[in-house]
Amino acid sequence: MTTATPSDHRRPQEVFADHGARLGTGDLDRIAANYAEDAVFITPSGTLHGREGVKEAIGRLLADLPDADWELKPQFAGDVLFLEWSAASPTGRRVEDGVDTFVFRDGLIQAQTVRYTLITDH
């Protein structure tokens, strides 16, 4: 008999709330811990795999939008999340058309897609 881990009991809304809190820390290891070990992260430039791929993709996003203020519009349907978002960084960089999808399994993020256009005010 296998013992359930605490992550097995988290609903997608709980995982996503925790994900947002971890994003605020900027700690890529903490952020990646909410993803399955075999997670996929799909971007317009390619697909990244595992938690190392997640750290690479999230690191790129956080570097594009340091210390940003985020506006999120999540729509959950079971184990899937469709997320529209915008963000503005004090550096003058912003995104107005961010779109992500998340697939949750066993209390973790199994897959994520991301697409956004980075705008710089210079």
Protein backbone atom coordinates (compact mmCIF):
# COMPACT_ATOMS: atom_id res chain seq x y z
CA MET A 1 0.00 0.00 0.00
CA THR A 2 1.36 3.40 -0.98
CA THR A 3 1.14 6.34 1.34
CA ALA A 4 -0.30 9.53 -0.09
CA THR A 5 1.94 12.56 0.04
CA PRO A 6 0.56 15.96 1.06
CA SER A 7 0.72 17.13 -2.58
CA ASP A 8 -1.71 14.35 -3.60
CA HIS A 9 -4.51 16.12 -1.76
CA ARG A 10 -4.02 19.66 -3.07
CA ARG A 11 -6.63 20.92 -5.48
CA PRO A 12 -5.46 22.81 -8.59
CA GLN A 13 -6.57 26.11 -7.02
CA GLU A 14 -4.37 25.40 -3.98
CA VAL A 15 -1.38 24.46 -6.11
CA PHE A 16 -1.79 27.61 -8.20
CA ALA A 17 -2.08 29.83 -5.10
CA ASP A 18 1.11 28.27 -3.71
CA HIS A 19 2.79 28.67 -7.10
CA GLY A 20 2.01 32.40 -7.04
CA ALA A 21 3.42 32.78 -3.54
CA ARG A 22 6.61 30.97 -4.56
CA LEU A 23 6.97 33.09 -7.70
CA GLY A 24 7.04 36.13 -5.44
CA THR A 25 10.15 34.79 -3.70
CA GLY A 26 12.14 34.44 -6.93
CA ASP A 27 13.58 31.19 -5.54
CA LEU A 28 13.65 28.90 -8.58
CA ASP A 29 14.11 25.72 -6.53
CA ARG A 30 11.03 26.51 -4.43
CA ILE A 31 9.06 27.40 -7.56
CA ALA A 32 10.05 24.19 -9.38
CA ALA A 33 9.02 22.06 -6.38
CA ASN A 34 5.36 22.65 -7.34
CA TYR A 35 5.99 20.87 -10.66
CA ALA A 36 6.11 17.14 -11.30
CA GLU A 37 9.60 15.74 -11.83
CA ASP A 38 8.68 14.92 -15.44
CA ALA A 39 6.81 18.19 -16.11
CA VAL A 40 6.83 19.81 -19.52
CA PHE A 41 6.99 23.57 -20.05
CA ILE A 42 6.08 24.66 -23.57
CA THR A 43 7.07 28.08 -24.91
CA PRO A 44 7.06 29.56 -28.42
CA SER A 45 10.81 28.86 -28.58
CA GLY A 46 10.52 25.18 -27.62
CA THR A 47 9.69 22.61 -24.98
CA LEU A 48 11.61 22.31 -21.73
CA HIS A 49 11.52 19.19 -19.57
CA GLY A 50 11.58 18.43 -15.86
CA ARG A 51 12.17 20.77 -12.98
CA GLU A 52 15.41 22.03 -14.53
CA GLY A 53 13.45 23.08 -17.61
CA VAL A 54 10.87 24.77 -15.40
CA LYS A 55 13.62 26.72 -13.62
CA GLU A 56 15.04 27.83 -16.97
CA ALA A 57 11.66 29.02 -18.29
CA ILE A 58 10.54 30.72 -15.07
CA GLY A 59 13.98 32.28 -14.66
CA ARG A 60 13.63 33.80 -18.12
CA LEU A 61 10.16 35.17 -17.28
CA LEU A 62 11.32 36.68 -13.98
CA ALA A 63 14.36 38.22 -15.69
CA ASP A 64 12.07 39.77 -18.33
CA LEU A 65 9.79 41.24 -15.65
CA PRO A 66 11.77 41.88 -12.45
CA ASP A 67 9.73 42.98 -9.42
CA ALA A 68 6.60 43.15 -11.57
CA ASP A 69 3.05 43.87 -10.50
CA TRP A 70 0.85 41.09 -11.94
CA GLU A 71 -2.80 41.04 -12.93
CA LEU A 72 -4.16 37.49 -13.25
CA LYS A 73 -7.45 36.21 -14.67
CA PRO A 74 -7.58 32.46 -13.92
CA GLN A 75 -10.28 30.13 -15.24
CA PHE A 76 -10.24 26.60 -13.82
CA ALA A 77 -11.94 23.58 -15.43
CA GLY A 78 -11.17 20.51 -13.35
CA ASP A 79 -7.43 19.82 -13.58
CA VAL A 80 -6.82 22.49 -16.25
CA LEU A 81 -6.24 26.21 -15.80
CA PHE A 82 -6.46 28.85 -18.52
CA LEU A 83 -4.70 32.00 -17.34
CA GLU A 84 -4.73 35.43 -18.96
CA TRP A 85 -2.27 37.85 -17.39
CA SER A 86 -0.54 41.18 -17.65
CA ALA A 87 2.43 42.53 -15.74
CA ALA A 88 4.38 45.76 -15.34
CA SER A 89 7.93 46.04 -14.03
CA PRO A 90 9.50 49.17 -12.54
CA THR A 91 12.16 48.78 -15.24
CA GLY A 92 9.61 49.95 -17.84
CA ARG A 93 9.06 46.46 -19.23
CA ARG A 94 5.51 45.16 -19.44
CA VAL A 95 3.31 42.43 -20.86
CA GLU A 96 -0.30 43.03 -21.84
CA ASP A 97 -1.12 39.74 -23.60
CA GLY A 98 0.19 36.94 -21.39
CA VAL A 99 -1.56 33.57 -21.76
CA ASP A 100 -0.68 30.35 -19.92
CA THR A 101 -2.30 26.96 -19.58
CA PHE A 102 -1.60 24.58 -16.71
CA VAL A 103 -2.42 20.90 -16.34
CA PHE A 104 -2.42 19.56 -12.77
CA ARG A 105 -1.97 15.95 -11.66
CA ASP A 106 -1.54 14.47 -8.18
CA GLY A 107 -1.25 17.90 -6.54
CA LEU A 108 1.51 19.16 -8.85
CA ILE A 109 1.80 21.04 -12.13
CA GLN A 110 2.34 18.45 -14.86
CA ALA A 111 2.38 20.76 -17.87
CA GLN A 112 2.42 24.48 -18.58
CA THR A 113 2.37 26.58 -21.70
CA VAL A 114 3.30 30.26 -21.77
CA ARG A 115 3.13 32.97 -24.39
CA TYR A 116 3.63 36.72 -23.99
CA THR A 117 4.95 39.77 -25.79
CA LEU A 118 7.52 41.79 -23.84
CA ILE A 119 7.14 45.54 -24.34
CA THR A 120 9.92 47.91 -23.30
CA ASP A 121 9.37 51.61 -22.66
CA HIS A 122 12.54 53.33 -23.78
